[in-house]
Protein backbone atom coordinates (compact mmCIF):
# COMPACT_ATOMS: atom_id res chain seq x y z
CA UNK A 1 0.11 -0.10 0.04
CA UNK A 2 1.28 2.73 -1.16
CA UNK A 3 2.05 6.08 1.70
CA UNK A 4 -0.50 8.20 2.16
CA UNK A 5 1.63 11.27 3.24
CA UNK A 6 -0.68 13.85 3.36
CA UNK A 7 -2.38 12.16 6.79
CA UNK A 8 -2.54 14.02 9.84
CA UNK A 9 -2.02 11.03 12.83
CA UNK A 10 -5.59 10.10 14.34
CA UNK A 11 -5.46 9.93 17.28
CA UNK A 12 -8.22 9.00 20.78
CA UNK A 13 -7.77 10.22 24.10
CA UNK A 14 -9.28 10.71 27.51
CA UNK A 15 -8.29 11.79 30.86
CA UNK A 16 -7.98 8.86 33.70
CA UNK A 17 -8.17 11.13 36.35
CA UNK A 18 -12.32 11.68 36.22
CA UNK A 19 -14.91 9.31 36.87
CA UNK A 20 -17.48 10.09 34.34
CA UNK A 21 -20.12 8.23 36.73
CA UNK A 22 -19.80 10.20 39.11
CA UNK A 23 -21.15 13.38 36.65
CA UNK A 24 -23.76 15.58 36.85
CA UNK A 25 -24.64 16.92 33.43
CA UNK A 26 -22.41 15.34 30.49
CA UNK A 27 -22.06 16.86 27.71
CA UNK A 28 -21.03 16.06 23.62
CA UNK A 29 -19.66 18.52 20.85
CA UNK A 30 -19.52 16.49 16.89
CA UNK A 31 -17.50 18.39 14.32
CA UNK A 32 -17.91 17.33 11.32
CA UNK A 33 -14.76 18.86 8.85
CA UNK A 34 -14.32 18.44 5.18
CA UNK A 35 -10.73 17.05 5.48
CA UNK A 36 -11.51 15.75 9.75
CA UNK A 37 -13.68 15.10 11.85
CA UNK A 38 -13.75 15.31 16.28
CA UNK A 39 -16.06 13.88 18.86
CA UNK A 40 -15.56 15.59 22.54
CA UNK A 41 -17.32 14.44 26.11
CA UNK A 42 -17.29 16.77 28.77
CA UNK A 43 -18.42 15.95 32.29
CA UNK A 44 -19.47 18.63 34.04
CA UNK A 45 -17.45 21.56 31.38
CA UNK A 46 -14.50 18.95 32.17
CA UNK A 47 -12.16 17.17 29.13
CA UNK A 48 -13.37 14.55 29.33
CA UNK A 49 -12.17 12.47 26.32
CA UNK A 50 -12.07 13.07 23.00
CA UNK A 51 -11.06 11.83 19.12
CA UNK A 52 -9.98 13.04 16.09
CA UNK A 53 -9.61 10.50 12.60
CA UNK A 54 -9.92 11.33 8.94
CA UNK A 55 -14.20 12.58 7.00
CA UNK A 56 -14.65 10.16 4.85
CA UNK A 57 -17.49 9.86 2.03
CA UNK A 58 -20.09 9.62 4.33
CA UNK A 59 -20.38 12.55 6.92
CA UNK A 60 -23.55 10.70 9.08
CA UNK A 61 -21.31 7.43 8.93
CA UNK A 62 -17.43 10.09 9.85
CA UNK A 63 -19.94 11.16 13.38
CA UNK A 64 -20.21 7.87 14.50
CA UNK A 65 -16.46 6.86 13.94
CA UNK A 66 -15.46 9.56 15.36
CA UNK A 67 -18.20 9.04 18.53
CA UNK A 68 -17.40 5.16 18.98
CA UNK A 69 -13.95 6.25 18.96
CA UNK A 70 -13.66 8.91 21.57
CA UNK A 71 -16.36 6.22 23.52
CA UNK A 72 -13.75 4.08 23.26
CA UNK A 73 -12.52 2.18 26.99
CA UNK A 74 -14.25 4.97 28.56
CA UNK A 75 -17.34 1.52 29.05
CA UNK A 76 -19.46 4.94 28.68
CA UNK A 77 -22.75 4.92 26.01
CA UNK A 78 -24.50 7.32 23.94
CA UNK A 79 -27.52 6.36 26.61
CA UNK A 80 -24.80 8.37 29.04
CA UNK A 81 -24.61 11.74 27.37
CA UNK A 82 -27.56 14.23 28.55
CA UNK A 83 -26.71 16.78 25.51
CA UNK A 84 -24.59 17.02 21.72
CA UNK A 85 -24.21 19.59 19.76
CA UNK A 86 -23.05 19.35 16.27
CA UNK A 87 -20.94 21.96 13.63
CA UNK A 88 -18.68 21.91 11.22
CA UNK A 89 -18.68 21.16 7.16
CA UNK A 90 -21.46 17.92 8.15
CA UNK A 91 -23.15 19.27 11.03
CA UNK A 92 -27.04 18.37 9.40
CA UNK A 93 -25.57 15.00 9.17
CA UNK A 94 -24.80 14.06 12.65
CA UNK A 95 -27.75 11.46 12.83
CA UNK A 96 -27.95 11.50 17.43
CA UNK A 97 -27.41 15.64 17.68
CA UNK A 98 -29.44 17.30 19.31
CA UNK A 99 -29.02 19.91 17.90
CA UNK A 100 -26.22 21.61 16.10
CA UNK A 101 -24.57 25.38 15.77
CA UNK A 102 -22.07 26.58 13.67
CA UNK A 103 -18.65 26.14 13.35
CA UNK A 104 -17.66 29.90 12.99
CA UNK A 105 -19.53 30.02 17.13
CA UNK A 106 -18.42 27.28 18.58
CA UNK A 107 -14.59 27.78 17.52
CA UNK A 108 -15.00 31.28 19.20
CA UNK A 109 -16.61 29.05 22.76
CA UNK A 110 -13.87 26.53 22.71
CA UNK A 111 -11.20 28.97 21.53
CA UNK A 112 -12.09 30.59 24.80
CA UNK A 113 -12.33 28.11 27.49
CA UNK A 114 -8.77 25.71 25.31
CA UNK A 115 -6.80 30.26 25.78
CA UNK A 116 -8.52 32.23 28.41
CA UNK A 117 -11.48 34.95 28.13
CA UNK A 118 -8.40 37.52 27.16
CA UNK A 119 -8.76 36.24 23.30
CA UNK A 120 -10.11 38.98 21.00
CA UNK A 121 -8.91 37.68 17.21
CA UNK A 122 -9.49 33.67 16.15
CA UNK A 123 -8.55 32.72 12.78
CA UNK A 124 -9.59 28.97 11.67
CA UNK A 125 -7.73 26.87 9.11
CA UNK A 126 -9.10 24.08 8.22
CA UNK A 127 -9.40 21.95 5.60
CA UNK A 128 -11.58 23.72 3.04
CA UNK A 129 -12.01 26.97 3.86
CA UNK A 130 -10.47 30.48 5.85
CA UNK A 131 -11.88 32.17 8.66
CA UNK A 132 -10.98 34.80 11.45
CA UNK A 133 -13.51 34.92 13.94
CA UNK A 134 -13.65 38.51 16.93
CA UNK A 135 -15.10 37.34 19.42
CA UNK A 136 -15.74 39.12 23.37
CA UNK A 137 -14.35 37.73 26.95
CA UNK A 138 -17.80 35.17 26.77
CA UNK A 139 -16.45 33.89 23.68
CA UNK A 140 -19.59 35.09 22.16
CA UNK A 141 -18.89 35.95 18.17
CA UNK A 142 -18.97 40.33 17.01
CA UNK A 143 -17.33 39.94 13.63
CA UNK A 144 -16.27 37.30 10.83
CA UNK A 145 -14.49 36.79 7.36
CA UNK A 146 -13.95 33.84 5.68
CA UNK A 147 -11.81 32.77 2.74
CA UNK A 148 -14.46 29.78 1.46
CA UNK A 149 -13.31 29.89 -2.99
CA UNK A 150 -10.42 27.67 -2.89
CA UNK A 151 -8.53 25.21 -0.90
CA UNK A 152 -5.90 28.02 -1.40
CA UNK A 153 -5.07 28.41 2.15
CA UNK A 154 -6.15 25.81 3.45
CA UNK A 155 -5.46 22.48 5.47
CA UNK A 156 -6.01 20.31 2.24
CA UNK A 157 -4.00 23.10 0.01
CA UNK A 158 -1.46 21.71 2.79
CA UNK A 159 -2.05 17.44 2.03
CA UNK A 160 -1.68 18.27 -1.21
CA UNK A 161 2.21 19.38 -1.06
CA UNK A 162 2.58 17.08 1.04
CA UNK A 163 1.52 13.94 -1.27
CA UNK A 164 3.58 15.93 -4.47
CA UNK A 165 6.65 16.27 -2.31
CA UNK A 166 6.27 12.79 -0.41
CA UNK A 167 7.01 14.63 2.87
CA UNK A 168 4.79 13.98 6.05
CA UNK A 169 2.70 16.18 6.99
CA UNK A 170 4.03 16.84 10.18
CA UNK A 171 6.98 17.27 8.57
CA UNK A 172 5.97 20.14 6.34
CA UNK A 173 6.36 22.72 9.04
CA UNK A 174 10.10 22.16 10.55
CA UNK A 175 11.16 21.08 7.15
CA UNK A 176 9.90 24.51 6.20
CA UNK A 177 13.10 26.88 8.46
CA UNK A 178 16.00 24.13 6.80
CA UNK A 179 16.95 27.46 4.19
CA UNK A 180 19.74 28.99 3.98
CA UNK A 181 17.39 32.57 3.22
CA UNK A 182 13.65 32.46 2.69
CA UNK A 183 13.04 32.19 -1.09
CA UNK A 184 9.96 33.98 -2.36
CA UNK A 185 6.07 32.84 -2.63
CA UNK A 186 5.22 31.10 -4.82
CA UNK A 187 3.19 33.02 -7.41
CA UNK A 188 -0.04 31.54 -7.09
CA UNK A 189 -2.12 30.95 -4.46
CA UNK A 190 -5.00 28.85 -6.50
CA UNK A 191 -4.01 25.17 -5.31
CA UNK A 192 -3.82 23.96 -8.79
CA UNK A 193 -1.61 26.60 -10.80
CA UNK A 194 0.31 26.62 -7.20
CA UNK A 195 1.27 23.02 -7.37
CA UNK A 196 2.02 23.33 -10.78
CA UNK A 197 4.36 25.88 -10.41
CA UNK A 198 5.71 23.66 -7.18
CA UNK A 199 7.06 21.39 -10.03
CA UNK A 200 8.50 23.35 -12.44
CA UNK A 201 10.93 24.84 -9.27
CA UNK A 202 11.72 21.24 -8.50
CA UNK A 203 13.01 20.72 -11.94
CA UNK A 204 14.84 24.16 -11.87
CA UNK A 205 16.60 21.52 -8.98
CA UNK A 206 14.64 23.70 -6.57
CA UNK A 207 15.33 21.55 -3.02
CA UNK A 208 11.67 20.29 -1.40
CA UNK A 209 12.73 22.49 1.51
CA UNK A 210 12.88 25.70 -0.28
CA UNK A 211 10.10 24.62 -2.51
CA UNK A 212 8.17 24.14 0.98
CA UNK A 213 9.23 26.95 2.49
CA UNK A 214 8.23 28.97 -0.67
CA UNK A 215 5.04 27.40 -0.20
CA UNK A 216 4.26 27.99 3.22
CA UNK A 217 5.15 31.77 2.82
CA UNK A 218 2.24 32.24 0.51
CA UNK A 219 -0.02 30.52 2.00
CA UNK A 220 0.38 32.20 5.48
CA UNK A 221 0.53 35.60 3.35
CA UNK A 222 -2.58 34.68 1.98
CA UNK A 223 -3.93 34.24 5.39
CA UNK A 224 -2.88 37.21 6.61
CA UNK A 225 -4.75 39.29 4.20
CA UNK A 226 -7.77 37.89 5.16
CA UNK A 227 -6.98 38.94 8.63
CA UNK A 228 -5.90 42.25 7.87
CA UNK A 229 -9.71 42.76 6.47
CA UNK A 230 -11.00 42.49 10.18
CA UNK A 231 -7.99 43.84 11.98
CA UNK A 232 -6.87 41.75 14.21
CA UNK A 233 -6.68 42.89 18.01
CA UNK A 234 -5.32 40.97 20.81
CA UNK A 235 -5.16 38.21 21.82
CA UNK A 236 -4.92 36.10 18.77
CA UNK A 237 -4.76 32.90 18.20
CA UNK A 238 -5.58 29.82 15.94
CA UNK A 239 -7.41 26.63 15.73
CA UNK A 240 -7.73 24.45 12.84
CA UNK A 241 -5.16 21.24 11.48
CA UNK A 242 -2.89 24.23 10.49
CA UNK A 243 -2.35 25.54 13.65
CA UNK A 244 0.35 22.02 13.94
CA UNK A 245 2.08 23.83 11.13
CA UNK A 246 4.32 25.46 13.09
CA UNK A 247 6.22 26.48 9.06
CA UNK A 248 2.97 28.56 8.52
CA UNK A 249 1.89 29.60 11.84
CA UNK A 250 5.52 31.37 12.05
CA UNK A 251 4.77 33.13 9.09
CA UNK A 252 1.74 34.39 9.79
CA UNK A 253 2.95 35.54 13.24
CA UNK A 254 6.07 37.65 11.64
CA UNK A 255 3.89 39.38 9.39
CA UNK A 256 1.18 39.57 11.96
CA UNK A 257 3.69 41.59 14.54
CA UNK A 258 2.12 39.89 16.74
CA UNK A 259 2.24 36.77 19.29
CA UNK A 260 -0.46 34.04 19.36
CA UNK A 261 -1.40 31.81 22.55
CA UNK A 262 -0.07 28.77 22.99
CA UNK A 263 -2.07 25.97 24.72
CA UNK A 264 -2.25 22.33 26.18
CA UNK A 265 -4.79 21.78 24.24
CA UNK A 266 -4.72 19.73 20.80
CA UNK A 267 -5.63 23.09 17.86
CA UNK A 268 -8.65 20.80 16.16
CA UNK A 269 -10.73 19.71 18.47
CA UNK A 270 -11.35 23.66 19.00
CA UNK A 271 -14.69 23.36 17.02
CA UNK A 272 -15.60 20.33 18.85
CA UNK A 273 -15.01 21.32 22.51
CA UNK A 274 -16.98 24.85 21.88
CA UNK A 275 -20.09 21.91 20.60
CA UNK A 276 -19.84 20.24 23.53
CA UNK A 277 -19.25 23.89 26.16
CA UNK A 278 -22.92 24.62 24.37
CA UNK A 279 -24.04 21.04 24.52
CA UNK A 280 -23.12 21.14 28.58
CA UNK A 281 -25.29 24.58 28.91
CA UNK A 282 -28.15 23.24 26.89
CA UNK A 283 -28.83 20.24 29.07
CA UNK A 284 -28.69 22.01 32.03
CA UNK A 285 -31.64 25.04 30.87
CA UNK A 286 -33.46 22.33 30.41
CA UNK A 287 -33.50 20.91 33.48
CA UNK A 288 -34.31 24.33 34.87
């Protein structure tokens, strides 16, 4: 079987220090994205378990698979969960959701918990689009802009490059800094044309790391232009899969002249975490 360089690692996790059987409110959030899906389970608002895996061609099945993997090894079943919120690209296809909420609202709410109430600007770099979000101290959205015209500046665009260059996607970021000096960015932001340009650069003798640096630079510049339209107000954070790519993240922050807050959480679970937090609030509201 050919190696799939574009794949991020899939994984699940659970908090061994929490006994869910003692919890009064168990909520879950399912973020079905165009590229990956995450399921988060909270016990009284505390992160108990989560999973992150590839979204398949069947969105309802992807939601079920992510949820089942988050539940794996916990002895918990769906019947133990009081409220489930679906979010993301495929949120309407989460068959067991009590409610659906947009990923923009969920990322803002999740980032507020992941990074703290000082967060004001969130860049969500997803599989097929980028969103610049402004929020208040409670994680409520006050403004947003999104780019969904093409895959440039998104996770899918980076996957195309990982496959083209036969470089594991986890290695793209560090490798992009292994250059003597920063090369000019690829001239096109369209993935199709950028791929053609990258192939031409390789034929001219450019090493892979230089081509990667050039694409990371172009990707970062495209995202910064989106952020500048909404104006970045500190504190600034990045969520989504590309938040794991230091090659893009550092170039974004360098161009903005701004630092990003760091979190102990995985940047990819922000949407599902926000959905689970909304789920907790809705479950408790119903009881009243």
